[in-house]
Amino acid sequence: MELKEKLRQILKERYGMENDAEIIKEAGALQGIDLGIFVNPYEKDEVKSA
């Protein structure tokens, strides 16, 4: 079984997607991943001793 066939089987079993139109529709509705925590500089608060 090819990778393509395995992916189609998983999408059908887990998410009920059975054809290209359903897969494309759902892929277009994905909101994406927020990578902001990985690209924003970390600012550490300075601690001053008394």
Protein backbone atom coordinates (compact mmCIF):
# COMPACT_ATOMS: atom_id res chain seq x y z
CA MET A 1 0.00 0.00 0.00
CA GLU A 2 1.39 3.39 -1.01
CA LEU A 3 1.67 6.33 1.36
CA LYS A 4 -1.08 8.13 -0.56
CA GLU A 5 -3.46 5.21 -0.05
CA LYS A 6 -2.57 4.96 3.65
CA LEU A 7 -3.25 8.68 4.17
CA ARG A 8 -6.61 8.42 2.38
CA GLN A 9 -7.57 5.46 4.57
CA ILE A 10 -6.64 7.33 7.76
CA LEU A 11 -8.56 10.45 6.68
CA LYS A 12 -11.60 8.32 5.92
CA GLU A 13 -11.49 6.34 9.18
CA ARG A 14 -10.69 9.20 11.56
CA TYR A 15 -12.39 12.18 9.94
CA GLY A 16 -14.91 10.79 7.46
CA MET A 17 -13.24 12.45 4.47
CA GLU A 18 -13.80 10.25 1.44
CA ASN A 19 -12.90 12.32 -1.63
CA ASP A 20 -10.58 15.06 -2.86
CA ALA A 21 -13.22 17.79 -2.56
CA GLU A 22 -13.75 17.09 1.16
CA ILE A 23 -10.01 16.99 1.85
CA ILE A 24 -9.41 20.26 -0.02
CA LYS A 25 -12.34 21.94 1.76
CA GLU A 26 -11.08 20.95 5.21
CA ALA A 27 -7.46 21.82 4.41
CA GLY A 28 -8.60 25.30 3.41
CA ALA A 29 -10.38 25.73 6.74
CA LEU A 30 -7.28 24.96 8.84
CA GLN A 31 -6.32 27.81 11.13
CA GLY A 32 -2.61 27.06 11.17
CA ILE A 33 -0.11 26.99 14.00
CA ASP A 34 1.06 30.02 15.98
CA LEU A 35 4.86 29.92 15.92
CA GLY A 36 5.21 33.23 17.73
CA ILE A 37 6.77 31.73 20.85
CA PHE A 38 9.61 30.39 18.73
CA VAL A 39 10.41 33.58 16.82
CA ASN A 40 9.83 36.35 19.36
CA PRO A 41 12.86 37.31 21.46
CA TYR A 42 12.73 36.24 25.07
CA GLU A 43 12.93 39.13 27.48
CA LYS A 44 14.13 38.13 30.91
CA ASP A 45 13.28 40.47 33.78
CA GLU A 46 16.39 41.72 35.47
CA VAL A 47 16.63 40.94 39.16
CA LYS A 48 18.58 43.44 41.22
CA SER A 49 19.84 42.53 44.62
CA ALA A 50 19.44 44.93 47.51
